Protein backbone atom coordinates (compact mmCIF):
# COMPACT_ATOMS: atom_id res chain seq x y z
CA MET A 1 225.71 134.11 116.15
CA ARG A 2 226.30 137.79 115.72
CA ARG A 3 227.28 139.80 118.76
CA TRP A 4 224.82 141.28 121.23
CA ARG A 5 223.97 144.89 120.39
CA ARG A 6 224.30 148.02 122.50
CA SER A 7 220.87 148.70 123.99
CA ALA A 8 221.43 152.41 124.51
CA ALA A 9 222.42 152.95 120.89
CA ILE A 10 219.43 150.93 119.78
CA ALA A 11 217.02 153.04 121.80
CA ILE A 12 218.51 156.28 120.51
CA ALA A 13 218.47 155.09 116.88
CA SER A 14 214.88 153.91 117.16
CA ALA A 15 213.72 157.16 118.70
CA GLY A 16 215.53 159.07 115.96
CA ALA A 17 213.91 156.94 113.29
CA LEU A 18 210.45 157.70 114.65
CA ALA A 19 211.24 161.39 114.69
CA VAL A 20 212.34 161.25 111.06
CA ALA A 21 209.21 159.32 110.08
CA LEU A 22 206.89 161.79 111.70
CA SER A 23 208.70 165.08 111.18
CA GLY A 24 206.87 167.56 109.00
CA CYS A 25 203.71 165.47 108.86
CA THR A 26 200.32 167.11 108.87
CA PRO A 27 197.95 164.38 110.10
CA GLN A 28 194.98 163.69 107.87
CA GLN A 29 191.55 163.09 109.34
CA SER A 30 191.33 159.67 110.93
CA VAL A 31 189.87 156.95 108.75
CA SER A 32 187.26 154.44 109.88
CA ILE A 33 187.32 150.82 108.73
CA ASP A 34 183.99 149.43 107.60
CA VAL A 35 183.92 145.95 109.14
CA PRO A 36 181.53 144.32 111.64
CA ALA A 37 182.06 145.35 115.27
CA GLN A 38 184.50 143.18 117.20
CA VAL A 39 183.14 141.17 120.13
CA ASP A 40 185.02 142.31 123.23
CA ALA A 41 186.01 138.88 124.46
CA PRO A 42 188.81 136.33 124.07
CA LEU A 43 188.38 133.57 121.56
CA PRO A 44 187.19 130.28 123.12
CA ASP A 45 189.89 128.18 124.76
CA ALA A 46 189.50 125.33 122.26
CA THR A 47 190.02 127.72 119.32
CA VAL A 48 193.05 129.30 120.99
CA ALA A 49 194.57 125.85 121.57
CA GLU A 50 194.26 125.08 117.84
CA LEU A 51 195.72 128.45 116.89
CA GLN A 52 198.65 128.09 119.26
CA ASP A 53 199.39 124.59 117.99
CA ALA A 54 199.48 125.95 114.43
CA VAL A 55 201.95 128.68 115.38
CA THR A 56 204.28 126.39 117.35
CA SER A 57 204.30 123.88 114.49
CA ALA A 58 205.35 126.63 112.05
CA MET A 59 208.01 127.83 114.51
CA THR A 60 209.50 124.35 114.61
CA ALA A 61 209.46 124.04 110.81
CA THR A 62 211.24 127.37 110.29
CA GLY A 63 213.64 127.24 113.23
CA SER A 64 211.93 130.25 114.79
CA THR A 65 212.34 130.61 118.53
CA GLY A 66 209.50 133.10 118.79
CA ALA A 67 206.42 134.44 117.08
CA ILE A 68 203.75 137.06 117.63
CA VAL A 69 200.23 136.44 116.44
CA GLY A 70 196.90 138.23 116.35
CA VAL A 71 193.55 136.78 115.33
CA TRP A 72 190.37 138.85 115.31
CA ALA A 73 187.02 137.13 114.65
CA PRO A 74 184.41 139.87 115.12
CA TRP A 75 181.58 137.40 115.86
CA SER A 76 183.57 135.37 118.40
CA GLY A 77 186.58 137.05 120.00
CA THR A 78 190.27 137.89 119.82
CA TRP A 79 193.60 136.19 120.47
CA VAL A 80 196.75 138.32 120.53
CA SER A 81 199.87 136.72 121.98
CA GLY A 82 203.60 136.30 121.98
CA VAL A 83 204.65 132.67 121.55
CA GLY A 84 207.97 130.99 122.32
CA ALA A 85 211.14 132.81 123.33
CA GLN A 86 213.48 135.53 122.08
CA SER A 87 216.26 133.00 121.49
CA LEU A 88 217.22 129.42 122.24
CA ALA A 89 218.55 130.76 125.54
CA GLY A 90 215.13 132.12 126.50
CA GLY A 91 213.64 135.57 126.96
CA GLU A 92 209.95 136.42 126.96
CA VAL A 93 208.16 137.29 123.74
CA THR A 94 205.34 139.77 124.35
CA SER A 95 202.58 140.77 122.00
CA ASP A 96 203.52 144.47 122.06
CA MET A 97 207.02 143.96 120.60
CA SER A 98 208.00 145.64 117.34
CA PHE A 99 209.25 143.75 114.27
CA ARG A 100 209.92 144.37 110.60
CA ALA A 101 206.80 144.38 108.43
CA ALA A 102 208.57 142.81 105.42
CA GLU A 103 206.59 143.07 102.15
CA VAL A 104 203.58 144.51 103.92
CA THR A 105 205.60 147.70 103.45
CA GLY A 106 205.10 147.37 99.69
CA ALA A 107 201.33 147.34 100.15
CA MET A 108 201.63 150.61 102.09
CA THR A 109 203.74 152.14 99.33
CA CYS A 110 201.02 151.21 96.83
CA ASP A 111 198.37 152.63 99.18
CA VAL A 112 200.03 155.99 98.66
CA LEU A 113 200.30 155.63 94.88
CA TYR A 114 196.58 154.86 94.65
CA GLU A 115 195.78 157.77 96.96
CA LEU A 116 197.83 160.10 94.75
CA ALA A 117 195.97 158.78 91.72
CA ALA A 118 192.64 159.39 93.45
CA ASP A 119 193.49 163.02 94.16
CA GLY A 120 194.73 163.61 90.60
CA THR A 121 198.44 164.00 91.35
CA LEU A 122 199.28 161.11 89.02
CA SER A 123 197.65 158.31 87.07
CA MET A 124 198.27 154.62 87.64
CA SER A 125 198.55 154.38 83.84
CA ASP A 126 201.53 156.75 83.81
CA PRO A 127 204.78 155.23 82.56
CA VAL A 128 207.25 154.81 85.41
CA THR A 129 209.63 157.06 83.49
CA THR A 130 207.26 159.98 84.07
CA TRP A 131 208.08 159.88 87.76
CA VAL A 132 211.43 158.10 88.05
CA SER A 133 214.50 159.30 86.17
CA ASN A 134 217.39 157.21 84.84
CA LEU A 135 215.14 154.44 83.55
CA PRO A 136 215.71 154.72 79.80
CA GLY A 137 213.81 152.15 77.81
CA TYR A 138 211.34 151.40 80.60
CA ASP A 139 208.49 153.61 79.43
CA ASP A 140 206.52 150.44 78.61
CA ILE A 141 205.98 149.83 82.34
CA THR A 142 203.19 151.64 84.18
CA LEU A 143 202.80 152.52 87.84
CA ARG A 144 199.87 150.09 88.00
CA GLU A 145 202.08 147.25 86.78
CA LEU A 146 204.56 147.98 89.56
CA CYS A 147 201.86 147.44 92.18
CA ASP A 148 200.23 144.54 90.33
CA GLY A 149 203.61 142.77 90.16
CA THR A 150 203.36 142.48 86.39
CA SER A 151 206.16 144.86 85.36
CA GLY A 152 208.51 142.01 84.49
CA LEU A 153 211.30 143.58 86.55
CA ALA A 154 213.46 141.16 88.51
CA SER A 155 214.14 141.64 92.21
CA TYR A 156 217.34 143.27 93.40
CA THR A 157 217.30 140.91 96.38
CA ALA A 158 218.19 138.00 94.09
CA THR A 159 221.60 139.60 93.55
CA LEU A 160 222.23 141.06 96.97
CA GLU A 161 221.25 138.40 99.51
CA GLY A 162 224.88 137.45 99.98
CA ALA A 163 225.93 141.06 100.46
CA VAL A 164 223.31 141.77 103.11
CA LEU A 165 224.02 138.45 104.81
CA GLY A 166 227.64 139.52 105.25
CA ASN A 167 226.97 143.17 106.09
CA PRO A 168 223.41 143.83 107.36
CA GLU A 169 224.41 147.24 108.70
CA ARG A 170 225.29 148.65 105.29
CA VAL A 171 223.17 151.63 104.24
CA TRP A 172 221.89 151.28 100.66
CA ASN A 173 220.91 154.04 98.27
CA PRO A 174 217.54 153.11 96.68
CA ARG A 175 218.83 153.98 93.22
CA GLU A 176 221.73 151.59 93.72
CA LEU A 177 219.25 148.86 94.62
CA MET A 178 217.17 149.79 91.57
CA ALA A 179 220.24 149.45 89.37
CA TYR A 180 220.80 145.89 90.61
CA GLY A 181 217.17 145.05 89.88
CA ILE A 182 217.02 146.41 86.34
CA ALA A 183 220.42 144.88 85.54
CA ARG A 184 218.88 141.42 85.81
CA PRO A 185 217.01 139.94 82.82
CA ARG A 186 213.34 140.83 82.69
CA LEU A 187 211.01 138.13 83.97
CA ASN A 188 208.41 138.76 81.27
CA ALA A 189 206.94 141.49 79.11
CA PRO A 190 205.05 144.18 81.05
CA GLY A 191 201.54 143.05 81.89
CA ALA A 192 202.12 139.46 80.76
CA ALA A 193 202.42 137.69 84.12
CA TYR A 194 202.95 138.15 87.83
CA GLY A 195 206.46 137.98 89.27
CA THR A 196 207.56 138.64 92.84
CA SER A 197 210.01 141.54 92.86
CA ALA A 198 211.09 144.02 95.52
CA THR A 199 212.26 146.27 92.67
CA ASN A 200 208.62 147.06 91.84
CA TYR A 201 207.95 148.57 95.26
CA LEU A 202 211.33 150.28 95.36
CA ILE A 203 210.56 152.15 92.13
CA ALA A 204 207.03 152.85 93.35
CA GLY A 205 208.58 154.49 96.40
CA LEU A 206 210.78 156.68 94.24
CA ALA A 207 207.71 157.71 92.24
CA VAL A 208 205.91 158.65 95.46
CA GLU A 209 208.82 160.83 96.55
CA ARG A 210 208.94 162.58 93.17
CA ALA A 211 205.18 163.16 93.08
CA THR A 212 204.97 164.51 96.65
CA ASN A 213 208.42 166.10 96.97
CA GLU A 214 208.63 164.46 100.40
CA PRO A 215 210.59 161.51 101.82
CA LEU A 216 208.70 158.24 101.66
CA ALA A 217 208.83 157.91 105.46
CA THR A 218 206.96 161.19 105.83
CA VAL A 219 204.35 160.28 103.21
CA LEU A 220 203.68 156.87 104.75
CA ALA A 221 203.21 158.53 108.12
CA GLU A 222 200.86 161.20 106.71
CA ARG A 223 198.81 159.01 104.41
CA VAL A 224 198.82 155.55 106.02
CA ALA A 225 199.92 155.31 109.64
CA GLN A 226 198.33 158.45 111.07
CA PRO A 227 194.90 158.20 109.38
CA LEU A 228 194.61 154.55 110.49
CA GLY A 229 195.94 155.14 114.01
CA LEU A 230 198.93 152.84 113.53
CA SER A 231 201.04 154.24 116.35
CA SER A 232 203.82 151.63 116.11
CA THR A 233 204.18 151.60 112.30
CA PHE A 234 206.79 153.71 110.50
CA LEU A 235 209.64 153.57 108.02
CA PRO A 236 212.85 153.99 110.04
CA ALA A 237 215.84 156.11 109.18
CA PRO A 238 218.51 154.11 107.33
CA ALA A 239 221.01 153.98 110.21
CA PRO A 240 221.37 150.41 111.54
CA ALA A 241 218.91 149.80 114.36
CA THR A 242 216.56 147.25 115.86
CA PRO A 243 212.85 147.51 115.02
CA GLY A 244 212.29 149.38 118.29
CA PRO A 245 213.34 149.74 121.93
CA SER A 246 211.35 146.57 122.70
CA SER A 247 211.50 144.32 119.67
CA LEU A 248 211.27 140.69 118.67
CA ASN A 249 214.69 139.24 117.92
CA GLY A 250 215.11 138.27 114.27
CA TYR A 251 217.27 135.45 112.87
CA TRP A 252 218.21 134.07 109.47
CA SER A 253 219.21 130.41 109.24
CA GLN A 254 221.42 129.34 106.36
CA PRO A 255 222.21 125.93 104.82
CA ASN A 256 225.73 124.55 104.84
CA ALA A 257 227.57 123.12 101.84
CA GLU A 258 225.65 119.84 102.22
CA GLY A 259 222.32 121.66 102.29
CA VAL A 260 221.74 121.12 106.01
CA TRP A 261 220.19 124.17 107.67
CA ASN A 262 221.76 125.69 110.78
CA CYS A 263 218.80 125.64 113.16
CA THR A 264 220.77 125.98 116.41
CA GLU A 265 222.96 129.01 115.66
CA PRO A 266 221.12 131.21 113.16
CA ALA A 267 222.61 134.61 112.33
CA ASP A 268 221.12 137.47 114.34
CA PHE A 269 219.49 140.12 112.15
CA THR A 270 217.61 142.04 114.81
CA GLU A 271 219.73 145.09 114.07
CA MET A 272 220.26 146.14 110.46
CA SER A 273 219.66 149.01 108.08
CA SER A 274 216.07 149.46 106.94
CA SER A 275 217.41 150.81 103.63
CA TYR A 276 217.81 147.30 102.21
CA GLY A 277 214.04 146.76 102.39
CA GLY A 278 213.08 150.39 101.92
CA ALA A 279 209.78 150.94 100.11
CA ALA A 280 209.44 147.18 99.62
CA ALA A 281 210.10 145.76 103.08
CA GLY A 282 211.69 148.37 105.37
CA ALA A 283 208.84 149.41 107.69
CA VAL A 284 208.47 148.30 111.29
CA THR A 285 205.17 147.61 113.04
CA SER A 286 203.41 145.75 115.86
CA ILE A 287 200.92 142.91 115.69
CA THR A 288 197.90 145.02 116.64
CA ASP A 289 198.86 147.62 114.03
CA LEU A 290 199.32 144.87 111.47
CA GLY A 291 195.91 143.35 112.18
CA ARG A 292 194.20 146.73 111.88
CA TYR A 293 196.14 147.52 108.73
CA ALA A 294 195.03 144.24 107.14
CA GLN A 295 191.38 145.22 107.68
CA ALA A 296 192.01 148.69 106.22
CA LEU A 297 193.82 147.23 103.22
CA ALA A 298 191.14 144.64 102.49
CA THR A 299 188.32 147.20 102.68
CA LYS A 300 190.22 149.92 100.76
CA ALA A 301 189.62 152.21 103.74
CA LEU A 302 192.18 154.76 102.52
CA LEU A 303 190.71 154.98 99.01
CA PRO A 304 187.46 156.12 97.36
CA ALA A 305 184.71 153.50 97.25
CA ASP A 306 185.01 153.23 93.46
CA SER A 307 188.76 152.51 93.47
CA ASP A 308 189.71 149.82 90.94
CA ARG A 309 192.75 148.68 92.92
CA PHE A 310 191.63 145.03 93.14
CA ALA A 311 189.57 144.96 89.95
CA ASN A 312 191.90 142.90 87.78
CA PRO A 313 193.68 140.21 89.82
CA VAL A 314 196.25 138.06 88.05
CA PRO A 315 197.32 134.48 88.87
CA VAL A 316 200.37 134.33 91.11
CA GLY A 317 201.82 131.43 89.14
CA PRO A 318 201.01 128.23 87.24
CA ASP A 319 202.09 126.14 90.23
CA GLN A 320 199.77 127.98 92.65
CA PRO A 321 196.04 127.48 93.35
CA SER A 322 193.58 129.37 91.17
CA TRP A 323 192.23 131.15 94.27
CA PHE A 324 195.65 132.75 94.91
CA THR A 325 195.94 135.98 92.89
CA ALA A 326 197.65 139.38 93.04
CA ALA A 327 196.54 142.96 92.42
CA GLY A 328 197.34 146.45 93.66
CA GLY A 329 200.24 145.54 95.92
CA THR A 330 198.23 142.79 97.63
CA PHE A 331 197.41 139.12 97.38
CA GLN A 332 193.92 137.66 97.29
CA ALA A 333 193.44 134.22 98.82
CA GLY A 334 189.83 133.15 98.59
CA SER A 335 187.87 135.84 100.42
CA LEU A 336 191.00 137.19 102.15
CA ILE A 337 193.04 140.18 100.99
CA GLY A 338 196.45 141.02 102.40
CA GLN A 339 200.18 140.78 101.98
CA PHE A 340 203.01 138.55 103.16
CA GLY A 341 206.73 138.14 102.72
CA TRP A 342 210.10 138.17 104.37
CA THR A 343 213.01 140.39 105.19
CA PRO A 344 216.21 139.27 106.91
CA GLY A 345 215.20 138.10 110.38
CA TYR A 346 211.43 137.95 109.94
CA MET A 347 208.60 136.33 107.97
CA THR A 348 205.35 138.29 108.20
CA ALA A 349 201.78 137.97 106.94
CA ALA A 350 198.55 139.91 107.38
CA PHE A 351 195.20 139.07 105.77
CA ALA A 352 191.60 140.10 106.35
CA ASP A 353 188.15 139.28 105.01
CA PRO A 354 186.45 142.56 104.05
CA ALA A 355 182.97 141.07 104.50
CA THR A 356 183.30 139.35 107.88
CA GLY A 357 186.09 141.54 109.27
CA MET A 358 188.14 138.50 110.29
CA SER A 359 191.81 139.47 110.43
CA VAL A 360 194.96 137.45 111.03
CA ALA A 361 198.49 138.76 111.49
CA VAL A 362 201.63 136.82 112.31
CA VAL A 363 205.40 137.17 112.42
CA LEU A 364 207.97 134.36 112.75
CA ASN A 365 211.47 135.32 113.88
CA ASN A 366 213.50 133.27 111.40
CA SER A 367 213.51 134.18 107.71
CA GLY A 368 215.13 130.96 106.51
CA GLY A 369 213.19 128.41 104.52
CA ASN A 370 210.26 128.65 102.13
CA LYS A 371 209.10 132.25 101.71
CA LEU A 372 205.44 131.19 101.45
CA THR A 373 205.49 129.90 105.03
CA SER A 374 204.07 133.02 106.65
CA ALA A 375 201.18 133.04 104.15
CA TRP A 376 200.47 129.36 104.73
CA LEU A 377 200.45 129.99 108.48
CA ALA A 378 198.12 132.99 108.16
CA TRP A 379 195.76 130.92 106.02
CA GLU A 380 195.88 128.03 108.51
CA LEU A 381 195.01 130.46 111.30
CA ALA A 382 192.20 131.92 109.19
CA ALA A 383 190.75 128.46 108.52
CA ILE A 384 190.72 127.74 112.27
CA ALA A 385 189.32 131.15 113.23
CA SER A 386 186.61 130.99 110.59
CA LYS A 387 185.05 128.13 112.54
CA ALA A 388 185.23 129.84 115.95
CA PRO A 389 181.80 129.56 117.61
CA ALA A 390 179.69 132.70 117.69
CA ALA A 391 179.40 134.58 120.97
CA ALA A 392 176.01 135.22 122.51
CA GLY A 393 173.89 137.33 120.20
CA GLN A 394 176.25 136.84 117.24
CA THR A 395 176.01 134.70 114.10
CA LEU A 396 178.80 132.59 112.63
CA PRO A 397 179.37 133.92 109.09
CA GLU A 398 179.98 131.88 106.00
CA ALA A 399 183.76 132.05 105.48
CA GLY A 400 183.99 130.16 102.22
CA LEU A 401 187.74 129.57 102.39
CA PRO A 402 188.85 127.18 99.61
CA TRP A 403 191.36 125.34 101.80
CA THR A 404 191.51 123.54 105.13
CA ALA A 405 193.78 124.19 108.09
CA GLN A 406 195.32 120.76 107.57
CA GLN A 407 196.24 121.52 103.96
CA MET A 408 198.17 124.61 105.07
CA ARG A 409 199.81 122.66 107.90
CA ASP A 410 200.92 120.04 105.37
CA ASN A 411 202.49 122.76 103.21
CA ILE A 412 204.46 124.12 106.16
CA VAL A 413 205.63 120.75 107.44
CA GLY A 414 206.43 119.55 103.92
CA ASN A 415 208.79 122.50 103.45
CA ALA A 416 210.34 122.44 106.92
CA ILE A 417 214.02 123.30 107.24
CA CYS A 418 214.27 122.38 110.93
CA ALA A 419 213.00 119.60 113.16
CA ALA A 420 211.87 119.63 116.76
CA PRO A 421 214.79 119.34 119.22
CA ALA A 422 215.36 115.83 120.50
CA SER A 423 213.66 115.36 123.84
């Protein structure tokens, strides 16, 4: 277990990061999100019991000691809660704690690209080389393909996981990370297929900075966080820090030489440099911000009504269900639109139904194990919430989710890296 961190330094670094993220920003007009009004009531006890059981089961499977979850069913009610503990030694998890947003950051980076396209600053059909230098031979890749995940570029994280595991406090230059990504063999020809890659979002972030002549942290604050009222969401400065003065601890279990996962002494990654995730996974947030952001993302609240961001979804992979597709820096799962992923210490997911307004957001505090786990958990929560009884005067909508809660639970349990402690 890595050493305990200095709380004073953490608070100072976090405050400095927020100042960097917001400095020089001119707030845009606030943006409304066109979803049904939320019933001002808690979800029924029976629904909450099912939701909590789903979260604790996923915590056990991933070796997470804690989680934060938010579920908003406009016709029925809300459940927002911290679950578990900060560590095996205890410590309360509260719902207002900060954590790393993981690949939800990439969706925000693509928000900005599509906004810049809408105002005529750039075109999503532009070659990446128009906006990012030192990419010779990559003019066959467009900005749209970066966000769609169809560029064919491999992820820099595939090369550097060992380096960040050994030195999470290292500050990375985004162009150095880009170099590691493009040095790997291409996954496929541009536009041919989807492939998960942090390099896509990293390059998208560089394009944003070139097009706006501003740091990405400033642009995300101006064009995403401030218009949506996301007061706890920002891209921190690169200096090593926790996600905030009050943050969820983050851990990263690793397997030993025999393939057995260390579920009792996972490495502590609460404090690290945000530069490793950067435009792909470096932002920090809170669960209420994440739930609101999921609704904004699903409804394209930041974009013109005629935006084609989600117009051409592509299959995520031949081994995935046909209802699971990708487009515009997001994933579509049945009627849900959102994003999920991991960064050292955290697995995060946020999805919303643009028609019903149902939104689910969750973070687990161990990034070991199958990287689809946070998505499976969000979809399990959505399946449960979609059946929450309607409050007085409300009507239960047709959710139409093409999976059951039990199917998602089976996926999580079937890919578990940890077991429940012996009683």
